[in-house]
Amino acid sequence: MKLNVAILLLPAASAYSYVSGHHHHKSHDHHRKHLGTAPYGLSNGTATFGSSGLLYPPTATAVAAAPVVALTSSTSPAAIAAATPVPAPATNSAKSAKRGIIVSGDDTDAITAAFANTKVSWLGNWYSGPPPNLTPDMGMSYVPQLYSPQYVQDGSWASNAKKGVAAGDKYFMSFGEPAHSGITAETAVTSWMQNMEPYAAQGVSLGTPGNLQNPVDFVWLGNFLDLCEKAGCTIGFVCVHWFWTPGVNGQQDFKNVVNNATAMAKGKPVWVDNFEATGDNAGQIEFLTNIIPWLEDNDLVARYGYLGDNRATGGFLPETGNELSDLGKFYATF
């Protein structure tokens, strides 16, 4: 069956008139537990499930790294002098409409500021309000998220989502890895119809709950999609998360997982809205050198967001200081 995918147009960066404050989800500590363990991805024919329910790693095959494109000056001084007149450069011509970052914790503001006016075009933070220092002139749009039921209960989701619509935000994400927080697909659909669905009528594209790459999560997602179809959910895109190793097996597992997500999406765009490889900056850069071109060229993937929030384990920032690390510089410019 041919999958028809709508191209998502990136809105201008949204300016909120309020300050959400710093936010850090302690529940995301479980990500670290997955790093460095056997992959959990579903198979696309290159790997199989073992008796433990985990996926056996696919056979290691050589995966050619995409070439790194060297940065060059747009025009030489001589050419500039000869040109009459000199055309103005296109606004944000170097940006990737797909590339985003996930920020959290004490370094939220520092990471946000460091990625201003780079190839990164959107930002999420597992919350419904933007980082306090995010402004439109940074060139990044914000994507609110109803990560947890607690944000329905305390009223922050309704308040921030309303402000997001007023600010022109075009995309909302929903629950974060619900299969690991005791939220059933039935409960999620009920909450969706009450707390997400109303914004579809206001022109917002709504994303499914983000699920990890293990079989339990994909079964959960399948149940959610089936129940949502019956309930009349207006789903704009399907979200998937991935956390594992940067090696050749990790690269292939990542692609397997994304391919499974796109198959389940049945023509809807897919966001890999949370992903991260283990290892130091060099290992992650090698991983991304292969993966970023694959994501950019994949018409079924609308957006991707990398998580690099841990200075000690090779994040976007070095162990000291707020300048981008080698990984941060690579992700900002590659």
C-alpha atoms as a PDB file:
ATOM      1  CA  MET A   1       0.000   0.000   0.000  1.00  0.00           C
ATOM      2  CA  LYS A   2       1.376   3.372  -0.950  1.00  0.00           C
ATOM      3  CA  LEU A   3       1.790   5.723   2.000  1.00  0.00           C
ATOM      4  CA  ASN A   4       0.874   9.323   1.348  1.00  0.00           C
ATOM      5  CA  VAL A   5       2.549  11.718   3.722  1.00  0.00           C
ATOM      6  CA  ALA A   6       1.623  15.328   4.226  1.00  0.00           C
ATOM      7  CA  ILE A   7       4.596  17.679   4.355  1.00  0.00           C
ATOM      8  CA  LEU A   8       4.667  19.567   7.651  1.00  0.00           C
ATOM      9  CA  LEU A   9       5.419  23.257   7.215  1.00  0.00           C
ATOM     10  CA  LEU A  10       7.377  24.735  10.089  1.00  0.00           C
ATOM     11  CA  PRO A  11       5.640  27.676  11.771  1.00  0.00           C
ATOM     12  CA  ALA A  12       7.506  30.729  12.907  1.00  0.00           C
ATOM     13  CA  ALA A  13       8.878  30.588  16.449  1.00  0.00           C
ATOM     14  CA  SER A  14       6.110  31.198  18.950  1.00  0.00           C
ATOM     15  CA  ALA A  15       6.346  33.988  21.484  1.00  0.00           C
ATOM     16  CA  TYR A  16       4.654  33.220  24.784  1.00  0.00           C
ATOM     17  CA  SER A  17       3.660  35.999  27.132  1.00  0.00           C
ATOM     18  CA  TYR A  18       4.343  33.915  30.204  1.00  0.00           C
ATOM     19  CA  VAL A  19       7.234  32.168  31.877  1.00  0.00           C
ATOM     20  CA  SER A  20       6.851  28.470  32.585  1.00  0.00           C
ATOM     21  CA  GLY A  21       9.907  28.099  34.785  1.00  0.00           C
ATOM     22  CA  HIS A  22      12.453  25.308  34.687  1.00  0.00           C
ATOM     23  CA  HIS A  23      11.092  21.822  34.394  1.00  0.00           C
ATOM     24  CA  HIS A  24      12.693  18.425  34.692  1.00  0.00           C
ATOM     25  CA  HIS A  25      10.946  15.077  34.518  1.00  0.00           C
ATOM     26  CA  LYS A  26      12.446  12.689  37.031  1.00  0.00           C
ATOM     27  CA  SER A  27      10.564   9.930  35.228  1.00  0.00           C
ATOM     28  CA  HIS A  28      13.020  10.229  32.362  1.00  0.00           C
ATOM     29  CA  ASP A  29      15.708   8.665  34.505  1.00  0.00           C
ATOM     30  CA  HIS A  30      14.543   5.343  33.079  1.00  0.00           C
ATOM     31  CA  HIS A  31      16.051   6.327  29.733  1.00  0.00           C
ATOM     32  CA  ARG A  32      19.486   5.824  31.213  1.00  0.00           C
ATOM     33  CA  LYS A  33      18.527   2.277  32.153  1.00  0.00           C
ATOM     34  CA  HIS A  34      17.938   1.446  28.511  1.00  0.00           C
ATOM     35  CA  LEU A  35      21.236   2.840  27.313  1.00  0.00           C
ATOM     36  CA  GLY A  36      23.886   0.218  26.790  1.00  0.00           C
ATOM     37  CA  THR A  37      21.511  -2.749  27.002  1.00  0.00           C
ATOM     38  CA  ALA A  38      20.221  -5.020  24.265  1.00  0.00           C
ATOM     39  CA  PRO A  39      18.007  -3.211  21.738  1.00  0.00           C
ATOM     40  CA  TYR A  40      14.265  -3.353  22.141  1.00  0.00           C
ATOM     41  CA  GLY A  41      13.178  -2.572  18.575  1.00  0.00           C
ATOM     42  CA  LEU A  42      10.574  -4.476  16.639  1.00  0.00           C
ATOM     43  CA  SER A  43      11.842  -6.442  13.677  1.00  0.00           C
ATOM     44  CA  ASN A  44      11.519  -5.450  10.050  1.00  0.00           C
ATOM     45  CA  GLY A  45      12.887  -8.800   8.979  1.00  0.00           C
ATOM     46  CA  THR A  46      16.511  -8.350  10.020  1.00  0.00           C
ATOM     47  CA  ALA A  47      16.183  -9.358  13.670  1.00  0.00           C
ATOM     48  CA  THR A  48      14.043 -11.651  15.806  1.00  0.00           C
ATOM     49  CA  PHE A  49      12.608 -11.743  19.291  1.00  0.00           C
ATOM     50  CA  GLY A  50      14.176 -13.963  21.928  1.00  0.00           C
ATOM     51  CA  SER A  51      12.454 -15.820  24.739  1.00  0.00           C
ATOM     52  CA  SER A  52      13.073 -12.859  27.026  1.00  0.00           C
ATOM     53  CA  GLY A  53      10.895 -10.657  24.845  1.00  0.00           C
ATOM     54  CA  LEU A  54      13.871  -8.537  23.892  1.00  0.00           C
ATOM     55  CA  LEU A  55      15.122  -8.228  20.380  1.00  0.00           C
ATOM     56  CA  TYR A  56      18.280 -10.044  19.397  1.00  0.00           C
ATOM     57  CA  PRO A  57      20.665  -7.573  17.756  1.00  0.00           C
ATOM     58  CA  PRO A  58      20.627  -7.706  13.954  1.00  0.00           C
ATOM     59  CA  THR A  59      23.666  -9.231  12.347  1.00  0.00           C
ATOM     60  CA  ALA A  60      26.387  -6.619  12.136  1.00  0.00           C
ATOM     61  CA  THR A  61      26.679  -5.343   8.614  1.00  0.00           C
ATOM     62  CA  ALA A  62      28.777  -2.540   7.286  1.00  0.00           C
ATOM     63  CA  VAL A  63      26.805   0.686   7.215  1.00  0.00           C
ATOM     64  CA  ALA A  64      28.547   3.352   5.202  1.00  0.00           C
ATOM     65  CA  ALA A  65      28.735   6.678   6.960  1.00  0.00           C
ATOM     66  CA  ALA A  66      27.294   9.590   5.070  1.00  0.00           C
ATOM     67  CA  PRO A  67      29.955  12.055   3.972  1.00  0.00           C
ATOM     68  CA  VAL A  68      30.352  15.182   6.056  1.00  0.00           C
ATOM     69  CA  VAL A  69      29.691  18.204   3.915  1.00  0.00           C
ATOM     70  CA  ALA A  70      32.381  20.829   4.362  1.00  0.00           C
ATOM     71  CA  LEU A  71      31.216  24.349   5.170  1.00  0.00           C
ATOM     72  CA  THR A  72      32.301  26.953   2.621  1.00  0.00           C
ATOM     73  CA  SER A  73      31.800  30.690   2.359  1.00  0.00           C
ATOM     74  CA  SER A  74      28.775  31.541   0.260  1.00  0.00           C
ATOM     75  CA  THR A  75      30.598  34.007  -1.971  1.00  0.00           C
ATOM     76  CA  SER A  76      34.219  35.089  -2.387  1.00  0.00           C
ATOM     77  CA  PRO A  77      35.178  38.778  -1.888  1.00  0.00           C
ATOM     78  CA  ALA A  78      35.968  39.099  -5.589  1.00  0.00           C
ATOM     79  CA  ALA A  79      32.599  37.711  -6.587  1.00  0.00           C
ATOM     80  CA  ILE A  80      30.858  40.051  -4.176  1.00  0.00           C
ATOM     81  CA  ALA A  81      32.648  43.040  -5.682  1.00  0.00           C
ATOM     82  CA  ALA A  82      31.709  41.969  -9.204  1.00  0.00           C
ATOM     83  CA  ALA A  83      28.054  41.356  -8.445  1.00  0.00           C
ATOM     84  CA  THR A  84      25.632  44.225  -9.153  1.00  0.00           C
ATOM     85  CA  PRO A  85      23.635  44.144  -6.990  1.00  0.00           C
ATOM     86  CA  VAL A  86      24.463  41.496  -4.378  1.00  0.00           C
ATOM     87  CA  PRO A  87      21.301  39.450  -3.660  1.00  0.00           C
ATOM     88  CA  ALA A  88      20.245  39.155  -0.026  1.00  0.00           C
ATOM     89  CA  PRO A  89      20.585  35.634   1.423  1.00  0.00           C
ATOM     90  CA  ALA A  90      17.389  33.648   1.902  1.00  0.00           C
ATOM     91  CA  THR A  91      16.036  33.774   5.456  1.00  0.00           C
ATOM     92  CA  ASN A  92      16.894  30.612   7.444  1.00  0.00           C
ATOM     93  CA  SER A  93      18.057  28.969   4.201  1.00  0.00           C
ATOM     94  CA  ALA A  94      20.379  26.639   6.131  1.00  0.00           C
ATOM     95  CA  LYS A  95      17.738  25.395   8.565  1.00  0.00           C
ATOM     96  CA  SER A  96      16.392  21.874   8.653  1.00  0.00           C
ATOM     97  CA  ALA A  97      12.606  21.885   8.912  1.00  0.00           C
ATOM     98  CA  LYS A  98      12.858  18.481  10.607  1.00  0.00           C
ATOM     99  CA  ARG A  99      15.626  18.948  13.161  1.00  0.00           C
ATOM    100  CA  GLY A 100      14.803  19.654  16.809  1.00  0.00           C
ATOM    101  CA  ILE A 101      16.177  19.345  20.321  1.00  0.00           C
ATOM    102  CA  ILE A 102      14.731  18.152  23.605  1.00  0.00           C
ATOM    103  CA  VAL A 103      15.836  20.233  26.584  1.00  0.00           C
ATOM    104  CA  SER A 104      15.321  19.668  30.289  1.00  0.00           C
ATOM    105  CA  GLY A 105      16.745  20.318  33.714  1.00  0.00           C
ATOM    106  CA  ASP A 106      19.165  22.956  34.951  1.00  0.00           C
ATOM    107  CA  ASP A 107      20.728  23.447  31.515  1.00  0.00           C
ATOM    108  CA  THR A 108      17.454  24.192  29.711  1.00  0.00           C
ATOM    109  CA  ASP A 109      18.152  27.886  29.206  1.00  0.00           C
ATOM    110  CA  ALA A 110      21.822  27.339  28.326  1.00  0.00           C
ATOM    111  CA  ILE A 111      21.050  24.709  25.673  1.00  0.00           C
ATOM    112  CA  THR A 112      18.200  26.777  24.264  1.00  0.00           C
ATOM    113  CA  ALA A 113      20.434  29.833  23.898  1.00  0.00           C
ATOM    114  CA  ALA A 114      23.302  27.808  22.432  1.00  0.00           C
ATOM    115  CA  PHE A 115      21.137  26.481  19.576  1.00  0.00           C
ATOM    116  CA  ALA A 116      19.680  29.858  18.597  1.00  0.00           C
ATOM    117  CA  ASN A 117      19.880  30.551  14.848  1.00  0.00           C
ATOM    118  CA  THR A 118      21.346  27.184  13.914  1.00  0.00           C
ATOM    119  CA  LYS A 119      19.962  24.368  11.759  1.00  0.00           C
ATOM    120  CA  VAL A 120      17.708  23.384  14.672  1.00  0.00           C
ATOM    121  CA  SER A 121      14.189  24.601  13.949  1.00  0.00           C
ATOM    122  CA  TRP A 122      12.066  23.343  16.856  1.00  0.00           C
ATOM    123  CA  LEU A 123      12.314  22.587  20.558  1.00  0.00           C
ATOM    124  CA  GLY A 124      10.441  20.461  23.090  1.00  0.00           C
ATOM    125  CA  ASN A 125      10.879  20.072  26.840  1.00  0.00           C
ATOM    126  CA  TRP A 126       8.356  17.429  28.046  1.00  0.00           C
ATOM    127  CA  TYR A 127       6.165  20.279  29.249  1.00  0.00           C
ATOM    128  CA  SER A 128       3.403  22.547  27.971  1.00  0.00           C
ATOM    129  CA  GLY A 129       5.204  25.868  28.395  1.00  0.00           C
ATOM    130  CA  PRO A 130       8.415  26.972  26.638  1.00  0.00           C
ATOM    131  CA  PRO A 131      11.805  27.623  28.236  1.00  0.00           C
ATOM    132  CA  PRO A 132      11.821  31.071  29.867  1.00  0.00           C
ATOM    133  CA  ASN A 133      14.447  32.444  27.504  1.00  0.00           C
ATOM    134  CA  LEU A 134      13.019  31.187  24.196  1.00  0.00           C
ATOM    135  CA  THR A 135      12.224  34.140  21.917  1.00  0.00           C
ATOM    136  CA  PRO A 136      11.101  34.334  18.264  1.00  0.00           C
ATOM    137  CA  ASP A 137      14.430  35.759  17.115  1.00  0.00           C
ATOM    138  CA  MET A 138      16.162  32.492  18.099  1.00  0.00           C
ATOM    139  CA  GLY A 139      14.660  30.814  15.044  1.00  0.00           C
ATOM    140  CA  MET A 140      13.123  27.847  16.866  1.00  0.00           C
ATOM    141  CA  SER A 141       9.436  27.048  17.274  1.00  0.00           C
ATOM    142  CA  TYR A 142       8.143  25.452  20.463  1.00  0.00           C
ATOM    143  CA  VAL A 143       6.042  22.264  20.666  1.00  0.00           C
ATOM    144  CA  PRO A 144       3.890  21.974  23.815  1.00  0.00           C
ATOM    145  CA  GLN A 145       3.290  18.518  25.266  1.00  0.00           C
ATOM    146  CA  LEU A 146       0.740  16.990  27.603  1.00  0.00           C
ATOM    147  CA  TYR A 147       3.359  14.669  29.026  1.00  0.00           C
ATOM    148  CA  SER A 148       1.616  13.519  32.190  1.00  0.00           C
ATOM    149  CA  PRO A 149      -1.904  13.456  33.679  1.00  0.00           C
ATOM    150  CA  GLN A 150      -0.605  15.674  36.483  1.00  0.00           C
ATOM    151  CA  TYR A 151      -0.639  18.613  34.067  1.00  0.00           C
ATOM    152  CA  VAL A 152      -4.338  18.106  33.500  1.00  0.00           C
ATOM    153  CA  GLN A 153      -4.943  17.942  37.225  1.00  0.00           C
ATOM    154  CA  ASP A 154      -2.995  21.090  38.098  1.00  0.00           C
ATOM    155  CA  GLY A 155      -4.522  23.064  35.207  1.00  0.00           C
ATOM    156  CA  SER A 156      -1.214  23.884  33.529  1.00  0.00           C
ATOM    157  CA  TRP A 157      -2.036  21.996  30.332  1.00  0.00           C
ATOM    158  CA  ALA A 158      -5.301  23.819  29.665  1.00  0.00           C
ATOM    159  CA  SER A 159      -3.722  27.183  30.440  1.00  0.00           C
ATOM    160  CA  ASN A 160      -0.559  26.687  28.404  1.00  0.00           C
ATOM    161  CA  ALA A 161      -2.277  24.973  25.484  1.00  0.00           C
ATOM    162  CA  LYS A 162      -4.660  27.930  25.171  1.00  0.00           C
ATOM    163  CA  LYS A 163      -1.700  30.316  25.145  1.00  0.00           C
ATOM    164  CA  GLY A 164       0.059  28.100  22.639  1.00  0.00           C
ATOM    165  CA  VAL A 165      -2.864  28.289  20.219  1.00  0.00           C
ATOM    166  CA  ALA A 166      -2.965  32.064  20.644  1.00  0.00           C
ATOM    167  CA  ALA A 167       0.788  32.241  19.991  1.00  0.00           C
ATOM    168  CA  GLY A 168       0.401  30.308  16.754  1.00  0.00           C
ATOM    169  CA  ASP A 169       1.777  26.898  17.752  1.00  0.00           C
ATOM    170  CA  LYS A 170       0.729  24.361  15.133  1.00  0.00           C
ATOM    171  CA  TYR A 171       1.769  21.080  16.765  1.00  0.00           C
ATOM    172  CA  PHE A 172       1.044  19.521  20.158  1.00  0.00           C
ATOM    173  CA  MET A 173       2.568  16.291  21.475  1.00  0.00           C
ATOM    174  CA  SER A 174       0.784  14.056  23.957  1.00  0.00           C
ATOM    175  CA  PHE A 175       1.674  11.560  26.683  1.00  0.00           C
ATOM    176  CA  GLY A 176       5.256  10.464  27.291  1.00  0.00           C
ATOM    177  CA  GLU A 177       5.957   6.707  27.255  1.00  0.00           C
ATOM    178  CA  PRO A 178       2.639   5.795  28.909  1.00  0.00           C
ATOM    179  CA  ALA A 179       3.288   2.039  28.770  1.00  0.00           C
ATOM    180  CA  HIS A 180       5.867   2.589  31.518  1.00  0.00           C
ATOM    181  CA  SER A 181       3.756   4.807  33.760  1.00  0.00           C
ATOM    182  CA  GLY A 182       0.697   2.599  34.128  1.00  0.00           C
ATOM    183  CA  ILE A 183      -1.516   4.489  31.658  1.00  0.00           C
ATOM    184  CA  THR A 184      -3.590   2.049  29.631  1.00  0.00           C
ATOM    185  CA  ALA A 185      -4.440   2.690  26.000  1.00  0.00           C
ATOM    186  CA  GLU A 186      -8.103   3.001  27.005  1.00  0.00           C
ATOM    187  CA  THR A 187      -7.313   5.664  29.614  1.00  0.00           C
ATOM    188  CA  ALA A 188      -5.087   7.515  27.163  1.00  0.00           C
ATOM    189  CA  VAL A 189      -7.813   7.635  24.512  1.00  0.00           C
ATOM    190  CA  THR A 190     -10.329   8.972  27.031  1.00  0.00           C
ATOM    191  CA  SER A 191      -7.866  11.655  28.114  1.00  0.00           C
ATOM    192  CA  TRP A 192      -7.031  12.440  24.494  1.00  0.00           C
ATOM    193  CA  MET A 193     -10.675  13.075  23.591  1.00  0.00           C
ATOM    194  CA  GLN A 194     -11.046  15.381  26.580  1.00  0.00           C
ATOM    195  CA  ASN A 195      -7.712  17.205  26.592  1.00  0.00           C
ATOM    196  CA  MET A 196      -6.164  16.936  23.116  1.00  0.00           C
ATOM    197  CA  GLU A 197      -8.967  16.546  20.583  1.00  0.00           C
ATOM    198  CA  PRO A 198     -10.487  20.035  21.127  1.00  0.00           C
ATOM    199  CA  TYR A 199      -7.323  21.638  19.725  1.00  0.00           C
ATOM    200  CA  ALA A 200      -7.621  19.774  16.417  1.00  0.00           C
ATOM    201  CA  ALA A 201     -10.652  21.932  15.644  1.00  0.00           C
ATOM    202  CA  GLN A 202      -8.449  24.979  16.289  1.00  0.00           C
ATOM    203  CA  GLY A 203      -5.962  24.001  13.609  1.00  0.00           C
ATOM    204  CA  VAL A 204      -3.395  22.164  15.746  1.00  0.00           C
ATOM    205  CA  SER A 205      -1.823  18.911  14.497  1.00  0.00           C
ATOM    206  CA  LEU A 206      -1.809  16.400  17.358  1.00  0.00           C
ATOM    207  CA  GLY A 207       0.843  13.744  17.998  1.00  0.00           C
ATOM    208  CA  THR A 208       0.284  10.320  19.504  1.00  0.00           C
ATOM    209  CA  PRO A 209       1.876   9.360  22.804  1.00  0.00           C
ATOM    210  CA  GLY A 210       5.623   8.841  22.382  1.00  0.00           C
ATOM    211  CA  ASN A 211       6.626   5.216  22.823  1.00  0.00           C
ATOM    212  CA  LEU A 212       9.975   3.522  23.318  1.00  0.00           C
ATOM    213  CA  GLN A 213      11.321   0.954  20.878  1.00  0.00           C
ATOM    214  CA  ASN A 214      10.421  -2.197  22.803  1.00  0.00           C
ATOM    215  CA  PRO A 215       7.659  -4.665  21.870  1.00  0.00           C
ATOM    216  CA  VAL A 216       5.471  -3.704  24.852  1.00  0.00           C
ATOM    217  CA  ASP A 217       5.385  -0.097  23.683  1.00  0.00           C
ATOM    218  CA  PHE A 218       4.570  -0.981  20.098  1.00  0.00           C
ATOM    219  CA  VAL A 219       1.710  -3.221  21.234  1.00  0.00           C
ATOM    220  CA  TRP A 220       0.483  -0.310  23.381  1.00  0.00           C
ATOM    221  CA  LEU A 221       0.693   2.030  20.397  1.00  0.00           C
ATOM    222  CA  GLY A 222      -1.213  -0.389  18.190  1.00  0.00           C
ATOM    223  CA  ASN A 223      -3.993  -0.639  20.778  1.00  0.00           C
ATOM    224  CA  PHE A 224      -4.095   3.137  21.108  1.00  0.00           C
ATOM    225  CA  LEU A 225      -4.362   3.660  17.357  1.00  0.00           C
ATOM    226  CA  ASP A 226      -7.152   1.074  17.056  1.00  0.00           C
ATOM    227  CA  LEU A 227      -9.132   2.559  19.941  1.00  0.00           C
ATOM    228  CA  CYS A 228      -8.525   6.091  18.694  1.00  0.00           C
ATOM    229  CA  GLU A 229      -9.926   5.211  15.295  1.00  0.00           C
ATOM    230  CA  LYS A 230     -13.113   3.988  16.931  1.00  0.00           C
ATOM    231  CA  ALA A 231     -13.326   7.020  19.225  1.00  0.00           C
ATOM    232  CA  GLY A 232     -12.743   9.529  16.421  1.00  0.00           C
ATOM    233  CA  CYS A 233      -9.350  10.914  17.456  1.00  0.00           C
ATOM    234  CA  THR A 234      -7.830  13.371  15.010  1.00  0.00           C
ATOM    235  CA  ILE A 235      -4.234  12.178  14.873  1.00  0.00           C
ATOM    236  CA  GLY A 236      -1.803  14.370  12.973  1.00  0.00           C
ATOM    237  CA  PHE A 237       1.422  12.413  13.477  1.00  0.00           C
ATOM    238  CA  VAL A 238       2.823   9.339  15.236  1.00  0.00           C
ATOM    239  CA  CYS A 239       5.658   9.656  17.769  1.00  0.00           C
ATOM    240  CA  VAL A 240       8.392   7.149  18.581  1.00  0.00           C
ATOM    241  CA  HIS A 241      11.419   7.225  20.915  1.00  0.00           C
ATOM    242  CA  TRP A 242      14.763   5.399  20.669  1.00  0.00           C
ATOM    243  CA  PHE A 243      17.676   5.033  23.132  1.00  0.00           C
ATOM    244  CA  TRP A 244      20.566   2.627  22.573  1.00  0.00           C
ATOM    245  CA  THR A 245      24.125   2.397  21.219  1.00  0.00           C
ATOM    246  CA  PRO A 246      25.832   4.379  18.461  1.00  0.00           C
ATOM    247  CA  GLY A 247      27.486   1.421  16.722  1.00  0.00           C
ATOM    248  CA  VAL A 248      26.503  -0.290  13.465  1.00  0.00           C
ATOM    249  CA  ASN A 249      23.947  -2.493  15.249  1.00  0.00           C
ATOM    250  CA  GLY A 250      22.513   0.590  16.922  1.00  0.00           C
ATOM    251  CA  GLN A 251      22.204   2.395  13.599  1.00  0.00           C
ATOM    252  CA  GLN A 252      20.367  -0.530  12.052  1.00  0.00           C
ATOM    253  CA  ASP A 253      18.127  -0.991  15.075  1.00  0.00           C
ATOM    254  CA  PHE A 254      17.213   2.696  14.944  1.00  0.00           C
ATOM    255  CA  LYS A 255      16.225   2.385  11.299  1.00  0.00           C
ATOM    256  CA  ASN A 256      14.245  -0.800  12.017  1.00  0.00           C
ATOM    257  CA  VAL A 257      12.298   0.954  14.758  1.00  0.00           C
ATOM    258  CA  VAL A 258      11.518   4.004  12.625  1.00  0.00           C
ATOM    259  CA  ASN A 259      10.464   1.771   9.726  1.00  0.00           C
ATOM    260  CA  ASN A 260       8.096  -0.113  12.047  1.00  0.00           C
ATOM    261  CA  ALA A 261       6.644   3.171  13.287  1.00  0.00           C
ATOM    262  CA  THR A 262       6.072   4.447   9.762  1.00  0.00           C
ATOM    263  CA  ALA A 263       4.341   1.181   8.840  1.00  0.00           C
ATOM    264  CA  MET A 264       2.013   1.502  11.841  1.00  0.00           C
ATOM    265  CA  ALA A 265       1.334   5.152  11.010  1.00  0.00           C
ATOM    266  CA  LYS A 266      -0.417   4.113   7.777  1.00  0.00           C
ATOM    267  CA  GLY A 267       0.436   7.254   5.887  1.00  0.00           C
ATOM    268  CA  LYS A 268       0.568   9.703   8.771  1.00  0.00           C
ATOM    269  CA  PRO A 269       3.878  11.503   9.357  1.00  0.00           C
ATOM    270  CA  VAL A 270       6.226  10.118  12.022  1.00  0.00           C
ATOM    271  CA  TRP A 271       8.175  12.156  14.559  1.00  0.00           C
ATOM    272  CA  VAL A 272      11.212  10.580  16.225  1.00  0.00           C
ATOM    273  CA  ASP A 273      10.716  13.165  18.922  1.00  0.00           C
ATOM    274  CA  ASN A 274      13.124  11.673  21.488  1.00  0.00           C
ATOM    275  CA  PHE A 275      16.261   9.775  20.570  1.00  0.00           C
ATOM    276  CA  GLU A 276      19.808   9.489  21.833  1.00  0.00           C
ATOM    277  CA  ALA A 277      22.818   7.219  21.389  1.00  0.00           C
ATOM    278  CA  THR A 278      25.166   6.276  24.194  1.00  0.00           C
ATOM    279  CA  GLY A 279      28.824   7.078  24.264  1.00  0.00           C
ATOM    280  CA  ASP A 280      31.118  10.043  24.062  1.00  0.00           C
ATOM    281  CA  ASN A 281      30.858  12.902  21.592  1.00  0.00           C
ATOM    282  CA  ALA A 282      32.862  11.035  18.942  1.00  0.00           C
ATOM    283  CA  GLY A 283      30.598   7.980  19.063  1.00  0.00           C
ATOM    284  CA  GLN A 284      27.414  10.020  18.929  1.00  0.00           C
ATOM    285  CA  ILE A 285      28.745  12.130  16.052  1.00  0.00           C
ATOM    286  CA  GLU A 286      29.571   8.983  14.083  1.00  0.00           C
ATOM    287  CA  PHE A 287      26.038   7.713  14.733  1.00  0.00           C
ATOM    288  CA  LEU A 288      24.420  10.989  13.690  1.00  0.00           C
ATOM    289  CA  THR A 289      26.626  11.290  10.599  1.00  0.00           C
ATOM    290  CA  ASN A 290      24.855   8.182   9.341  1.00  0.00           C
ATOM    291  CA  ILE A 291      21.412   8.760  10.817  1.00  0.00           C
ATOM    292  CA  ILE A 292      20.747  12.454  10.086  1.00  0.00           C
ATOM    293  CA  PRO A 293      20.952  12.118   6.270  1.00  0.00           C
ATOM    294  CA  TRP A 294      18.752   9.022   6.474  1.00  0.00           C
ATOM    295  CA  LEU A 295      16.145  10.948   8.461  1.00  0.00           C
ATOM    296  CA  GLU A 296      16.367  14.002   6.226  1.00  0.00           C
ATOM    297  CA  ASP A 297      15.840  11.881   3.112  1.00  0.00           C
ATOM    298  CA  ASN A 298      13.024   9.800   4.612  1.00  0.00           C
ATOM    299  CA  ASP A 299       9.765  11.296   3.351  1.00  0.00           C
ATOM    300  CA  LEU A 300       7.833   9.378   6.010  1.00  0.00           C
ATOM    301  CA  VAL A 301       9.686  11.135   8.863  1.00  0.00           C
ATOM    302  CA  ALA A 302       8.494  14.693   9.423  1.00  0.00           C
ATOM    303  CA  ARG A 303      10.657  15.653  12.417  1.00  0.00           C
ATOM    304  CA  TYR A 304      13.311  14.330  14.782  1.00  0.00           C
ATOM    305  CA  GLY A 305      14.534  15.609  18.149  1.00  0.00           C
ATOM    306  CA  TYR A 306      17.813  14.629  19.763  1.00  0.00           C
ATOM    307  CA  LEU A 307      18.345  14.591  23.526  1.00  0.00           C
ATOM    308  CA  GLY A 308      21.739  15.744  24.768  1.00  0.00           C
ATOM    309  CA  ASP A 309      21.071  16.959  28.281  1.00  0.00           C
ATOM    310  CA  ASN A 310      23.789  15.142  30.238  1.00  0.00           C
ATOM    311  CA  ARG A 311      27.126  16.968  30.355  1.00  0.00           C
ATOM    312  CA  ALA A 312      28.915  14.086  32.070  1.00  0.00           C
ATOM    313  CA  THR A 313      28.025  11.483  29.433  1.00  0.00           C
ATOM    314  CA  GLY A 314      28.662  13.498  26.286  1.00  0.00           C
ATOM    315  CA  GLY A 315      25.803  15.965  25.894  1.00  0.00           C
ATOM    316  CA  PHE A 316      25.244  19.154  23.928  1.00  0.00           C
ATOM    317  CA  LEU A 317      27.277  21.095  26.510  1.00  0.00           C
ATOM    318  CA  PRO A 318      30.723  20.217  27.871  1.00  0.00           C
ATOM    319  CA  GLU A 319      31.280  19.360  31.529  1.00  0.00           C
ATOM    320  CA  THR A 320      31.942  23.040  32.257  1.00  0.00           C
ATOM    321  CA  GLY A 321      30.809  26.149  30.415  1.00  0.00           C
ATOM    322  CA  ASN A 322      27.808  26.909  28.233  1.00  0.00           C
ATOM    323  CA  GLU A 323      29.395  26.838  24.789  1.00  0.00           C
ATOM    324  CA  LEU A 324      28.316  23.926  22.612  1.00  0.00           C
ATOM    325  CA  SER A 325      30.367  20.742  22.885  1.00  0.00           C
ATOM    326  CA  ASP A 326      31.698  19.014  19.769  1.00  0.00           C
ATOM    327  CA  LEU A 327      28.425  17.089  19.647  1.00  0.00           C
ATOM    328  CA  GLY A 328      26.401  20.273  20.022  1.00  0.00           C
ATOM    329  CA  LYS A 329      28.342  22.052  17.286  1.00  0.00           C
ATOM    330  CA  PHE A 330      27.910  19.074  14.968  1.00  0.00           C
ATOM    331  CA  TYR A 331      24.153  18.845  15.562  1.00  0.00           C
ATOM    332  CA  ALA A 332      23.797  22.600  15.127  1.00  0.00           C
ATOM    333  CA  THR A 333      25.575  22.756  11.774  1.00  0.00           C
ATOM    334  CA  PHE A 334      25.718  19.365  10.011  1.00  0.00           C
END
